[in-house]
Every structure is written in structure tokens, then in C-alpha cells.
N, C-alpha and C. Protein backbone atom coordinates (compact mmCIF):
# COMPACT_ATOMS: atom_id res chain seq x y z
N MET A 1 34.92 -1.43 -22.96
CA MET A 1 33.58 -1.98 -23.16
C MET A 1 32.97 -1.37 -24.43
N ASN A 2 32.19 -2.18 -25.13
CA ASN A 2 31.53 -1.74 -26.35
C ASN A 2 30.69 -0.50 -26.11
N GLN A 3 30.79 0.48 -27.01
CA GLN A 3 30.07 1.74 -26.87
C GLN A 3 28.56 1.54 -26.82
N ILE A 4 28.05 0.61 -27.61
CA ILE A 4 26.60 0.34 -27.63
C ILE A 4 26.14 -0.18 -26.28
N VAL A 5 26.94 -1.07 -25.68
CA VAL A 5 26.60 -1.61 -24.35
C VAL A 5 26.58 -0.48 -23.32
N LEU A 6 27.57 0.40 -23.39
CA LEU A 6 27.61 1.55 -22.48
C LEU A 6 26.36 2.41 -22.60
N GLU A 7 25.96 2.66 -23.83
CA GLU A 7 24.78 3.50 -24.05
C GLU A 7 23.52 2.82 -23.52
N ILE A 8 23.43 1.50 -23.72
CA ILE A 8 22.28 0.75 -23.21
C ILE A 8 22.19 0.86 -21.69
N ILE A 9 23.35 0.73 -21.01
CA ILE A 9 23.37 0.87 -19.55
C ILE A 9 22.89 2.26 -19.14
N GLY A 10 23.37 3.28 -19.85
CA GLY A 10 22.96 4.65 -19.55
C GLY A 10 21.47 4.86 -19.75
N TYR A 11 20.93 4.31 -20.84
CA TYR A 11 19.51 4.46 -21.11
C TYR A 11 18.65 3.72 -20.08
N ILE A 12 19.12 2.55 -19.66
CA ILE A 12 18.37 1.79 -18.64
C ILE A 12 18.30 2.58 -17.33
N GLY A 13 19.43 3.14 -16.92
CA GLY A 13 19.46 3.93 -15.69
C GLY A 13 18.53 5.13 -15.78
N SER A 14 18.60 5.84 -16.90
CA SER A 14 17.75 7.02 -17.08
C SER A 14 16.27 6.63 -17.11
N ALA A 15 15.97 5.50 -17.78
CA ALA A 15 14.58 5.04 -17.88
C ALA A 15 14.01 4.70 -16.50
N LEU A 16 14.81 4.03 -15.68
CA LEU A 16 14.34 3.66 -14.34
C LEU A 16 14.06 4.91 -13.49
N VAL A 17 14.94 5.90 -13.59
CA VAL A 17 14.73 7.14 -12.84
C VAL A 17 13.43 7.82 -13.29
N LEU A 18 13.22 7.87 -14.61
CA LEU A 18 12.00 8.49 -15.13
C LEU A 18 10.75 7.71 -14.74
N ILE A 19 10.81 6.38 -14.86
CA ILE A 19 9.66 5.53 -14.52
C ILE A 19 9.28 5.68 -13.05
N SER A 20 10.28 5.87 -12.21
CA SER A 20 10.00 5.98 -10.76
C SER A 20 9.04 7.11 -10.45
N PHE A 21 9.08 8.18 -11.23
CA PHE A 21 8.21 9.33 -10.97
C PHE A 21 6.77 9.09 -11.40
N LEU A 22 6.52 7.94 -12.02
CA LEU A 22 5.15 7.57 -12.39
C LEU A 22 4.48 6.75 -11.30
N MET A 23 5.24 6.38 -10.27
CA MET A 23 4.72 5.53 -9.20
C MET A 23 3.86 6.33 -8.23
N ALA A 24 2.66 5.82 -7.94
CA ALA A 24 1.79 6.47 -6.95
C ALA A 24 2.31 6.21 -5.54
N SER A 25 2.85 5.02 -5.34
CA SER A 25 3.38 4.64 -4.03
C SER A 25 4.73 5.28 -3.80
N VAL A 26 4.89 5.92 -2.65
CA VAL A 26 6.16 6.57 -2.31
C VAL A 26 7.28 5.55 -2.20
N ILE A 27 6.97 4.39 -1.63
CA ILE A 27 8.00 3.37 -1.46
C ILE A 27 8.46 2.84 -2.82
N LYS A 28 7.50 2.53 -3.70
CA LYS A 28 7.88 2.06 -5.04
C LYS A 28 8.70 3.11 -5.77
N LEU A 29 8.29 4.37 -5.63
CA LEU A 29 9.03 5.46 -6.27
C LEU A 29 10.49 5.44 -5.83
N ARG A 30 10.71 5.36 -4.52
CA ARG A 30 12.08 5.42 -4.00
C ARG A 30 12.88 4.15 -4.33
N VAL A 31 12.22 2.99 -4.35
CA VAL A 31 12.92 1.75 -4.69
C VAL A 31 13.36 1.77 -6.16
N VAL A 32 12.44 2.11 -7.07
CA VAL A 32 12.77 2.13 -8.50
C VAL A 32 13.79 3.23 -8.78
N ASN A 33 13.63 4.39 -8.12
CA ASN A 33 14.59 5.48 -8.29
C ASN A 33 15.97 5.05 -7.82
N SER A 34 16.03 4.30 -6.73
CA SER A 34 17.32 3.81 -6.22
C SER A 34 17.97 2.85 -7.21
N CYS A 35 17.15 1.98 -7.82
CA CYS A 35 17.70 1.06 -8.82
C CYS A 35 18.27 1.84 -10.00
N GLY A 36 17.54 2.88 -10.42
CA GLY A 36 18.04 3.73 -11.49
C GLY A 36 19.34 4.41 -11.11
N SER A 37 19.42 4.87 -9.87
CA SER A 37 20.65 5.53 -9.40
C SER A 37 21.84 4.58 -9.41
N VAL A 38 21.60 3.33 -9.00
CA VAL A 38 22.69 2.34 -8.99
C VAL A 38 23.22 2.11 -10.40
N VAL A 39 22.28 1.97 -11.36
CA VAL A 39 22.69 1.76 -12.76
C VAL A 39 23.44 2.99 -13.28
N CYS A 40 22.96 4.18 -12.92
CA CYS A 40 23.62 5.42 -13.37
C CYS A 40 25.01 5.58 -12.74
N ILE A 41 25.16 5.10 -11.50
CA ILE A 41 26.48 5.13 -10.85
C ILE A 41 27.45 4.23 -11.62
N LEU A 42 26.98 3.03 -11.98
CA LEU A 42 27.80 2.11 -12.77
C LEU A 42 28.18 2.75 -14.10
N TYR A 43 27.19 3.34 -14.75
CA TYR A 43 27.42 4.00 -16.04
C TYR A 43 28.43 5.14 -15.91
N GLY A 44 28.29 5.92 -14.84
CA GLY A 44 29.20 7.03 -14.61
C GLY A 44 30.63 6.58 -14.41
N PHE A 45 30.82 5.47 -13.68
CA PHE A 45 32.17 4.93 -13.49
C PHE A 45 32.76 4.44 -14.81
N LEU A 46 31.92 3.77 -15.59
CA LEU A 46 32.41 3.19 -16.85
C LEU A 46 32.85 4.25 -17.86
N ILE A 47 32.17 5.40 -17.84
CA ILE A 47 32.54 6.46 -18.80
C ILE A 47 33.37 7.57 -18.13
N HIS A 48 33.71 7.33 -16.85
CA HIS A 48 34.52 8.28 -16.07
C HIS A 48 33.83 9.64 -15.92
N ALA A 49 32.50 9.60 -15.77
CA ALA A 49 31.73 10.83 -15.55
C ALA A 49 31.45 10.92 -14.05
N TYR A 50 32.43 11.38 -13.28
CA TYR A 50 32.34 11.35 -11.82
C TYR A 50 31.30 12.31 -11.23
N PRO A 51 31.00 13.45 -11.88
CA PRO A 51 29.87 14.25 -11.37
C PRO A 51 28.56 13.48 -11.39
N THR A 52 28.35 12.65 -12.44
CA THR A 52 27.15 11.79 -12.53
C THR A 52 27.16 10.76 -11.40
N VAL A 53 28.32 10.20 -11.13
CA VAL A 53 28.46 9.22 -10.04
C VAL A 53 28.11 9.88 -8.71
N LEU A 54 28.66 11.07 -8.47
CA LEU A 54 28.43 11.76 -7.20
C LEU A 54 26.95 12.11 -7.02
N MET A 55 26.34 12.65 -8.06
CA MET A 55 24.93 13.04 -7.96
C MET A 55 24.05 11.83 -7.67
N ASN A 56 24.25 10.73 -8.39
CA ASN A 56 23.42 9.54 -8.19
C ASN A 56 23.71 8.84 -6.87
N ALA A 57 24.95 8.93 -6.41
CA ALA A 57 25.28 8.38 -5.09
C ALA A 57 24.53 9.14 -4.01
N CYS A 58 24.44 10.46 -4.16
CA CYS A 58 23.69 11.28 -3.20
C CYS A 58 22.20 10.94 -3.24
N LEU A 59 21.66 10.76 -4.46
CA LEU A 59 20.24 10.38 -4.60
C LEU A 59 19.98 9.03 -3.94
N LEU A 60 20.91 8.10 -4.13
CA LEU A 60 20.76 6.77 -3.54
C LEU A 60 20.75 6.85 -2.02
N LEU A 61 21.64 7.64 -1.44
CA LEU A 61 21.68 7.81 0.02
C LEU A 61 20.40 8.45 0.54
N ILE A 62 19.89 9.45 -0.19
CA ILE A 62 18.65 10.12 0.22
C ILE A 62 17.48 9.13 0.19
N ASN A 63 17.41 8.35 -0.88
CA ASN A 63 16.33 7.35 -0.99
C ASN A 63 16.41 6.33 0.13
N CYS A 64 17.61 5.84 0.41
CA CYS A 64 17.79 4.85 1.48
C CYS A 64 17.39 5.43 2.83
N TYR A 65 17.76 6.69 3.07
CA TYR A 65 17.41 7.35 4.33
C TYR A 65 15.90 7.39 4.52
N TYR A 66 15.18 7.80 3.48
CA TYR A 66 13.73 7.93 3.61
C TYR A 66 13.02 6.58 3.63
N LEU A 67 13.57 5.58 2.95
CA LEU A 67 12.99 4.24 3.02
C LEU A 67 13.09 3.67 4.43
N VAL A 68 14.26 3.83 5.05
CA VAL A 68 14.44 3.38 6.43
C VAL A 68 13.49 4.13 7.36
N LYS A 69 13.36 5.42 7.14
CA LYS A 69 12.48 6.25 7.96
C LYS A 69 11.03 5.81 7.83
N LEU A 70 10.60 5.50 6.61
CA LEU A 70 9.22 5.06 6.37
C LEU A 70 8.93 3.76 7.11
N PHE A 71 9.86 2.79 7.02
CA PHE A 71 9.62 1.50 7.65
C PHE A 71 9.72 1.57 9.17
N ARG A 72 10.44 2.54 9.70
CA ARG A 72 10.56 2.67 11.15
C ARG A 72 9.36 3.39 11.77
N HIS A 73 8.54 4.04 10.95
CA HIS A 73 7.45 4.83 11.49
C HIS A 73 6.08 4.21 11.24
N ARG A 74 6.05 2.89 11.16
CA ARG A 74 4.77 2.22 11.00
C ARG A 74 3.87 2.42 12.23
N GLU A 75 4.51 2.67 13.38
CA GLU A 75 3.72 2.84 14.61
C GLU A 75 2.87 4.10 14.57
N ASN A 76 3.08 4.97 13.58
CA ASN A 76 2.27 6.18 13.46
C ASN A 76 0.85 5.89 12.99
N PHE A 77 0.56 4.65 12.60
CA PHE A 77 -0.79 4.29 12.20
C PHE A 77 -1.68 4.13 13.43
N SER A 78 -2.89 4.68 13.33
CA SER A 78 -3.88 4.54 14.41
C SER A 78 -5.17 4.01 13.82
N ILE A 79 -5.80 3.08 14.52
CA ILE A 79 -7.06 2.47 14.08
C ILE A 79 -8.17 3.04 14.95
N ILE A 80 -9.12 3.75 14.34
CA ILE A 80 -10.16 4.45 15.08
C ILE A 80 -11.54 3.90 14.73
N LYS A 81 -12.34 3.60 15.74
CA LYS A 81 -13.71 3.11 15.52
C LYS A 81 -14.53 4.17 14.80
N SER A 82 -15.39 3.72 13.90
CA SER A 82 -16.22 4.65 13.15
C SER A 82 -17.53 3.96 12.76
N SER A 83 -18.38 4.67 12.03
CA SER A 83 -19.63 4.10 11.51
C SER A 83 -20.05 4.91 10.30
N TYR A 84 -20.91 4.32 9.48
CA TYR A 84 -21.33 4.99 8.26
C TYR A 84 -22.15 6.25 8.55
N SER A 85 -22.66 6.36 9.76
CA SER A 85 -23.43 7.56 10.13
C SER A 85 -22.53 8.76 10.38
N GLU A 86 -21.24 8.52 10.53
CA GLU A 86 -20.31 9.61 10.82
C GLU A 86 -19.88 10.32 9.53
N GLU A 87 -19.90 11.64 9.57
CA GLU A 87 -19.58 12.46 8.41
C GLU A 87 -18.16 12.18 7.90
N CYS A 88 -17.24 11.95 8.82
CA CYS A 88 -15.84 11.74 8.46
C CYS A 88 -15.68 10.52 7.55
N MET A 89 -16.37 9.44 7.89
CA MET A 89 -16.29 8.22 7.10
C MET A 89 -16.95 8.40 5.74
N ARG A 90 -18.11 9.05 5.70
CA ARG A 90 -18.81 9.27 4.43
C ARG A 90 -17.98 10.18 3.52
N PHE A 91 -17.34 11.19 4.11
CA PHE A 91 -16.49 12.09 3.33
C PHE A 91 -15.33 11.32 2.70
N PHE A 92 -14.69 10.45 3.48
CA PHE A 92 -13.56 9.67 2.96
C PHE A 92 -14.01 8.78 1.80
N ILE A 93 -15.17 8.15 1.94
CA ILE A 93 -15.69 7.28 0.87
C ILE A 93 -15.97 8.09 -0.39
N ASN A 94 -16.64 9.22 -0.23
CA ASN A 94 -16.97 10.04 -1.40
C ASN A 94 -15.71 10.62 -2.06
N ASP A 95 -14.74 10.98 -1.23
CA ASP A 95 -13.51 11.58 -1.75
C ASP A 95 -12.68 10.56 -2.54
N ASN A 96 -12.83 9.29 -2.22
CA ASN A 96 -12.05 8.24 -2.88
C ASN A 96 -12.93 7.26 -3.65
N LYS A 97 -14.14 7.68 -3.97
CA LYS A 97 -15.14 6.78 -4.53
C LYS A 97 -14.68 6.08 -5.81
N GLU A 98 -14.10 6.82 -6.74
CA GLU A 98 -13.69 6.22 -8.01
C GLU A 98 -12.62 5.16 -7.81
N ASP A 99 -11.65 5.45 -6.97
CA ASP A 99 -10.57 4.49 -6.72
C ASP A 99 -11.10 3.28 -5.95
N ILE A 100 -11.99 3.51 -5.00
CA ILE A 100 -12.59 2.40 -4.26
C ILE A 100 -13.35 1.48 -5.20
N GLN A 101 -14.13 2.06 -6.11
CA GLN A 101 -14.93 1.24 -7.03
C GLN A 101 -14.05 0.46 -8.00
N LEU A 102 -12.85 0.96 -8.27
CA LEU A 102 -11.92 0.22 -9.12
C LEU A 102 -11.57 -1.12 -8.48
N PHE A 103 -11.41 -1.13 -7.16
CA PHE A 103 -11.04 -2.35 -6.44
C PHE A 103 -12.26 -3.09 -5.89
N PHE A 104 -13.28 -2.33 -5.48
CA PHE A 104 -14.48 -2.91 -4.89
C PHE A 104 -15.71 -2.40 -5.65
N PRO A 105 -16.00 -2.96 -6.84
CA PRO A 105 -17.07 -2.42 -7.69
C PRO A 105 -18.46 -2.48 -7.08
N ASP A 106 -18.67 -3.36 -6.09
CA ASP A 106 -20.01 -3.51 -5.51
C ASP A 106 -20.18 -2.81 -4.17
N PHE A 107 -19.16 -2.07 -3.73
CA PHE A 107 -19.20 -1.57 -2.36
C PHE A 107 -20.37 -0.62 -2.10
N VAL A 108 -20.80 0.15 -3.10
CA VAL A 108 -21.87 1.13 -2.89
C VAL A 108 -23.19 0.46 -2.52
N HIS A 109 -23.33 -0.81 -2.88
CA HIS A 109 -24.58 -1.52 -2.61
C HIS A 109 -24.59 -2.18 -1.23
N VAL A 110 -23.43 -2.24 -0.58
CA VAL A 110 -23.34 -3.00 0.67
C VAL A 110 -22.81 -2.20 1.86
N ILE A 111 -22.19 -1.04 1.61
CA ILE A 111 -21.48 -0.34 2.68
C ILE A 111 -22.40 0.07 3.83
N GLU A 112 -23.65 0.38 3.53
CA GLU A 112 -24.56 0.80 4.59
C GLU A 112 -24.92 -0.35 5.54
N LYS A 113 -24.63 -1.57 5.13
CA LYS A 113 -24.91 -2.72 5.99
C LYS A 113 -23.85 -2.89 7.08
N ALA A 114 -22.75 -2.18 6.94
CA ALA A 114 -21.64 -2.35 7.88
C ALA A 114 -22.04 -1.95 9.30
N ASN A 115 -21.82 -2.85 10.26
CA ASN A 115 -22.01 -2.52 11.67
C ASN A 115 -20.67 -2.52 12.42
N PHE A 116 -19.58 -2.65 11.63
CA PHE A 116 -18.22 -2.65 12.19
C PHE A 116 -17.34 -1.88 11.22
N ALA A 117 -16.78 -0.77 11.67
CA ALA A 117 -15.94 0.05 10.77
C ALA A 117 -14.77 0.64 11.52
N ARG A 118 -13.63 0.69 10.85
CA ARG A 118 -12.43 1.28 11.42
C ARG A 118 -11.77 2.19 10.37
N LEU A 119 -11.51 3.43 10.77
CA LEU A 119 -10.74 4.34 9.94
C LEU A 119 -9.28 4.21 10.34
N ILE A 120 -8.40 4.17 9.33
CA ILE A 120 -6.97 4.06 9.60
C ILE A 120 -6.33 5.42 9.36
N PHE A 121 -5.69 5.94 10.38
CA PHE A 121 -5.02 7.23 10.30
C PHE A 121 -3.52 7.04 10.29
N CYS A 122 -2.83 7.90 9.55
CA CYS A 122 -1.39 8.05 9.69
C CYS A 122 -1.19 9.47 10.19
N LYS A 123 -0.86 9.59 11.46
CA LYS A 123 -0.84 10.88 12.15
C LYS A 123 -2.23 11.49 12.06
N ASN A 124 -2.40 12.60 11.36
CA ASN A 124 -3.72 13.24 11.32
C ASN A 124 -4.43 13.06 9.97
N GLN A 125 -3.96 12.11 9.15
CA GLN A 125 -4.53 11.91 7.83
C GLN A 125 -5.19 10.53 7.73
N ILE A 126 -6.42 10.49 7.20
CA ILE A 126 -7.09 9.21 6.98
C ILE A 126 -6.48 8.56 5.74
N VAL A 127 -5.99 7.33 5.91
CA VAL A 127 -5.34 6.65 4.79
C VAL A 127 -6.05 5.35 4.42
N GLY A 128 -7.04 4.94 5.20
CA GLY A 128 -7.72 3.70 4.88
C GLY A 128 -9.02 3.52 5.63
N LEU A 129 -9.81 2.57 5.15
CA LEU A 129 -11.09 2.26 5.76
C LEU A 129 -11.33 0.76 5.68
N PHE A 130 -11.70 0.20 6.82
CA PHE A 130 -12.08 -1.21 6.90
C PHE A 130 -13.52 -1.26 7.41
N ALA A 131 -14.41 -1.91 6.64
CA ALA A 131 -15.81 -2.01 7.04
C ALA A 131 -16.28 -3.45 6.88
N ALA A 132 -17.08 -3.91 7.84
CA ALA A 132 -17.52 -5.31 7.83
C ALA A 132 -18.86 -5.46 8.53
N ILE A 133 -19.44 -6.64 8.37
CA ILE A 133 -20.62 -7.03 9.14
C ILE A 133 -20.14 -7.99 10.22
N GLN A 134 -20.42 -7.66 11.47
CA GLN A 134 -20.02 -8.53 12.58
C GLN A 134 -21.22 -9.32 13.05
N ASP A 135 -21.11 -10.65 13.07
CA ASP A 135 -22.24 -11.46 13.50
C ASP A 135 -22.21 -11.69 15.01
N GLU A 136 -23.15 -12.45 15.51
CA GLU A 136 -23.27 -12.66 16.96
C GLU A 136 -22.08 -13.39 17.55
N ASP A 137 -21.39 -14.17 16.74
CA ASP A 137 -20.22 -14.91 17.22
C ASP A 137 -18.94 -14.09 17.14
N GLY A 138 -19.06 -12.85 16.63
CA GLY A 138 -17.89 -11.98 16.54
C GLY A 138 -17.14 -12.09 15.22
N LYS A 139 -17.60 -12.98 14.33
CA LYS A 139 -16.94 -13.11 13.03
C LYS A 139 -17.20 -11.87 12.18
N LEU A 140 -16.18 -11.42 11.45
CA LEU A 140 -16.32 -10.28 10.56
C LEU A 140 -16.42 -10.74 9.11
N CYS A 141 -17.46 -10.27 8.42
CA CYS A 141 -17.59 -10.48 6.98
C CYS A 141 -17.24 -9.16 6.30
N VAL A 142 -16.10 -9.11 5.63
CA VAL A 142 -15.56 -7.87 5.10
C VAL A 142 -16.40 -7.33 3.94
N LEU A 143 -16.73 -6.05 4.03
CA LEU A 143 -17.40 -5.34 2.95
C LEU A 143 -16.42 -4.46 2.19
N LEU A 144 -15.47 -3.89 2.92
CA LEU A 144 -14.51 -2.97 2.31
C LEU A 144 -13.21 -2.97 3.11
N ASP A 145 -12.11 -3.10 2.41
CA ASP A 145 -10.78 -3.03 3.03
C ASP A 145 -9.91 -2.22 2.07
N TYR A 146 -9.92 -0.90 2.25
CA TYR A 146 -9.34 0.00 1.27
C TYR A 146 -8.28 0.90 1.89
N THR A 147 -7.19 1.08 1.16
CA THR A 147 -6.12 2.00 1.55
C THR A 147 -5.80 2.89 0.36
N VAL A 148 -5.58 4.18 0.60
CA VAL A 148 -5.25 5.10 -0.49
C VAL A 148 -3.92 4.69 -1.11
N ALA A 149 -3.74 5.04 -2.38
CA ALA A 149 -2.60 4.55 -3.17
C ALA A 149 -1.25 4.83 -2.51
N GLN A 150 -1.09 6.01 -1.92
CA GLN A 150 0.23 6.39 -1.37
C GLN A 150 0.66 5.52 -0.22
N TYR A 151 -0.29 4.81 0.42
CA TYR A 151 0.03 4.05 1.63
C TYR A 151 -0.14 2.54 1.46
N ARG A 152 -0.29 2.07 0.24
CA ARG A 152 -0.54 0.64 0.05
C ARG A 152 0.68 -0.23 0.32
N ASP A 153 1.85 0.36 0.42
CA ASP A 153 3.05 -0.42 0.73
C ASP A 153 3.53 -0.17 2.16
N TYR A 154 2.73 0.45 2.99
CA TYR A 154 3.16 0.81 4.34
C TYR A 154 2.74 -0.22 5.38
N ALA A 155 2.38 -1.39 4.93
CA ALA A 155 1.96 -2.45 5.84
C ALA A 155 0.77 -2.04 6.69
N VAL A 156 -0.13 -1.23 6.11
CA VAL A 156 -1.36 -0.86 6.82
C VAL A 156 -2.15 -2.10 7.20
N GLY A 157 -2.19 -3.06 6.27
CA GLY A 157 -2.93 -4.30 6.52
C GLY A 157 -2.42 -5.05 7.74
N TYR A 158 -1.09 -5.17 7.85
CA TYR A 158 -0.52 -5.86 9.02
C TYR A 158 -0.93 -5.16 10.31
N HIS A 159 -0.85 -3.84 10.30
CA HIS A 159 -1.21 -3.06 11.49
C HIS A 159 -2.68 -3.23 11.82
N LEU A 160 -3.53 -3.17 10.79
CA LEU A 160 -4.98 -3.31 10.99
C LEU A 160 -5.33 -4.66 11.59
N PHE A 161 -4.83 -5.74 11.01
CA PHE A 161 -5.22 -7.07 11.47
C PHE A 161 -4.63 -7.40 12.84
N GLU A 162 -3.47 -6.85 13.15
CA GLU A 162 -2.94 -7.00 14.50
C GLU A 162 -3.86 -6.31 15.51
N ASP A 163 -4.35 -5.13 15.15
CA ASP A 163 -5.26 -4.39 16.02
C ASP A 163 -6.56 -5.16 16.22
N LEU A 164 -7.10 -5.73 15.14
CA LEU A 164 -8.34 -6.51 15.23
C LEU A 164 -8.14 -7.75 16.10
N LYS A 165 -6.96 -8.34 16.00
CA LYS A 165 -6.63 -9.49 16.84
C LYS A 165 -6.68 -9.13 18.32
N TYR A 166 -6.10 -7.95 18.66
CA TYR A 166 -6.10 -7.52 20.05
C TYR A 166 -7.49 -7.09 20.53
N GLU A 167 -8.37 -6.77 19.59
CA GLU A 167 -9.76 -6.46 19.95
C GLU A 167 -10.55 -7.72 20.29
N GLY A 168 -9.97 -8.86 19.98
CA GLY A 168 -10.64 -10.12 20.29
C GLY A 168 -11.33 -10.77 19.10
N ILE A 169 -11.13 -10.22 17.90
CA ILE A 169 -11.70 -10.83 16.71
C ILE A 169 -11.00 -12.15 16.43
N LYS A 170 -11.77 -13.20 16.20
CA LYS A 170 -11.19 -14.53 16.00
C LYS A 170 -11.20 -14.97 14.54
N LYS A 171 -12.15 -14.43 13.76
CA LYS A 171 -12.29 -14.92 12.39
C LYS A 171 -12.74 -13.78 11.48
N ILE A 172 -12.11 -13.68 10.30
CA ILE A 172 -12.48 -12.68 9.30
C ILE A 172 -12.71 -13.40 7.98
N GLU A 173 -13.84 -13.09 7.37
CA GLU A 173 -14.21 -13.74 6.11
C GLU A 173 -14.36 -12.69 5.01
N PHE A 174 -13.77 -12.97 3.86
CA PHE A 174 -13.82 -12.04 2.74
C PHE A 174 -14.47 -12.73 1.55
N GLN A 175 -15.67 -12.23 1.15
CA GLN A 175 -16.38 -12.81 0.01
C GLN A 175 -16.68 -11.79 -1.07
N GLN A 176 -16.38 -10.52 -0.81
CA GLN A 176 -16.73 -9.46 -1.76
C GLN A 176 -15.97 -9.61 -3.07
N LYS A 177 -16.61 -9.15 -4.14
CA LYS A 177 -15.92 -9.04 -5.41
C LYS A 177 -14.90 -7.91 -5.28
N ALA A 178 -13.63 -8.22 -5.46
CA ALA A 178 -12.57 -7.22 -5.26
C ALA A 178 -11.48 -7.45 -6.28
N ASN A 179 -11.35 -6.53 -7.21
CA ASN A 179 -10.33 -6.65 -8.25
C ASN A 179 -8.92 -6.47 -7.68
N TYR A 180 -8.00 -7.29 -8.13
CA TYR A 180 -6.58 -7.19 -7.78
C TYR A 180 -6.33 -7.38 -6.28
N HIS A 181 -7.23 -8.06 -5.57
CA HIS A 181 -7.13 -8.11 -4.11
C HIS A 181 -6.62 -9.46 -3.60
N GLU A 182 -6.60 -10.48 -4.45
CA GLU A 182 -6.26 -11.82 -3.98
C GLU A 182 -4.83 -11.91 -3.46
N LYS A 183 -3.90 -11.25 -4.15
CA LYS A 183 -2.50 -11.27 -3.71
C LYS A 183 -2.37 -10.65 -2.33
N TYR A 184 -3.07 -9.55 -2.10
CA TYR A 184 -3.05 -8.89 -0.79
C TYR A 184 -3.59 -9.82 0.29
N LEU A 185 -4.71 -10.49 0.01
CA LEU A 185 -5.32 -11.38 0.99
C LEU A 185 -4.37 -12.53 1.34
N ASN A 186 -3.73 -13.08 0.34
CA ASN A 186 -2.77 -14.15 0.61
C ASN A 186 -1.63 -13.66 1.49
N LYS A 187 -1.15 -12.45 1.20
CA LYS A 187 -0.06 -11.86 1.98
C LYS A 187 -0.47 -11.61 3.43
N MET A 188 -1.75 -11.30 3.63
CA MET A 188 -2.26 -11.02 4.97
C MET A 188 -2.62 -12.29 5.75
N GLY A 189 -2.42 -13.45 5.13
CA GLY A 189 -2.64 -14.70 5.85
C GLY A 189 -4.02 -15.29 5.68
N PHE A 190 -4.79 -14.82 4.69
CA PHE A 190 -6.10 -15.41 4.41
C PHE A 190 -5.91 -16.71 3.62
N LYS A 191 -6.79 -17.68 3.88
CA LYS A 191 -6.77 -18.95 3.16
C LYS A 191 -8.07 -19.07 2.36
N LYS A 192 -7.94 -19.52 1.12
CA LYS A 192 -9.13 -19.67 0.28
C LYS A 192 -9.89 -20.93 0.65
N VAL A 193 -11.18 -20.75 0.97
CA VAL A 193 -12.07 -21.86 1.30
C VAL A 193 -13.31 -21.71 0.45
N ASP A 194 -13.48 -22.60 -0.52
CA ASP A 194 -14.57 -22.49 -1.49
C ASP A 194 -14.50 -21.13 -2.19
N ASP A 195 -15.55 -20.31 -2.05
CA ASP A 195 -15.58 -19.01 -2.72
C ASP A 195 -15.17 -17.86 -1.80
N ALA A 196 -14.67 -18.18 -0.63
CA ALA A 196 -14.33 -17.13 0.35
C ALA A 196 -12.85 -17.22 0.73
N PHE A 197 -12.37 -16.13 1.30
CA PHE A 197 -11.03 -16.10 1.92
C PHE A 197 -11.23 -15.95 3.42
N ILE A 198 -10.58 -16.80 4.19
CA ILE A 198 -10.77 -16.84 5.64
C ILE A 198 -9.44 -16.56 6.35
N LYS A 199 -9.52 -15.73 7.38
CA LYS A 199 -8.36 -15.50 8.25
C LYS A 199 -8.79 -15.77 9.69
N GLU A 200 -8.08 -16.66 10.36
CA GLU A 200 -8.37 -16.99 11.75
C GLU A 200 -7.16 -16.66 12.60
N PHE A 201 -7.44 -16.14 13.81
CA PHE A 201 -6.35 -15.77 14.72
C PHE A 201 -6.16 -16.86 15.78
């Protein structure tokens, strides 16, 4: 094989491994790192560098092990009732205020209106907050649906909405200004109706 092509393969593998460490999400980190390991394994075979093959094969196995473990432990999420009057909820908001405002720039003006709030825990750590206004018919108008960066790929949303379904919630409406949120809403089964996103159970 052409030497230039070999070098390109090696650089691609190394670049993917390096890029993976820039990922905030643990799952993205391990997926991109695994892709880099696969390319490096190919590169190692092509240049007969078997220590490189062995090391990257071990990294690939480790990544696969932890990815399987992460997806099998979704049941560790717990949805706990809360309110804005509780110190725990206010602390979480203040601790993540800058990141929350990146996705929900108007939340500071509306969060106190919430009469329905759920904190999402993974074991003993708060990883998300869902806050809404619940009307007399039980419909939820979402004010905030936020998950910390490390857990955005852990299907927190699926777990949350399944829990809300079992609580008897029939309809959820999302009208808030939320940057980069439309893809998530579509994935969660919301349908766009005029200027709102609606999810019905």
C-alpha cells in the first residue's frame, strides 16, 4: 500500500482518539475513541506494528465493556418530586445556570411559575431537572427540561417521559425558546403544532 495512504490512516486514527477526549458526553467519548481504536488497529496490521494492534484492541474491548454497562444501567435513574421552594432544586439551577441559559435563555423569567417539578437522579447525583406549569386538566406546559452534559446520551428523556406517563400525564406542551432542542423533542415523540411541540400519551 502507498506510504502516504498508510500515514493518512494512522493520522485519522490518532486524530479520532485525541478528539474523543474533547467530548463532554461519556458515551460520545467512548464511541469516538472506539472508532479511533479500530482505525489504529487497521493501521497497526498494515505496518506490522503488533504492539499498537494489541494496545488498541484492549482499548476497544474496554470501551465496549463500559458502553454495554452504561446502557444496561438506565434503571439507576430516579425521578423525584420537587419544587422551586426546595433548596436542592435552587442549588442545582444556580450550579448549572450558565449551561441552562445556553439552552433555555428565558428560563430565569419563568421558573418560579412552575407548579410541577421533577429532579432526575442517577444514584445519588442530580443529573437533570424538569419543570412545568400543570393546568386543571393535567396538561403540562414545559418551562425547563435540562440534563447535565455528561448524561445527555443516557436516555434520561425516555426515562422521564415514561415516568410522567405512569403518573397519569396525558399531554405535554413545549413552547419555550430553547436553543438546539428541536432534535431532542422530535426524538422524544413531540409533534410540532403551530408554534408549539406537543406530546400525547
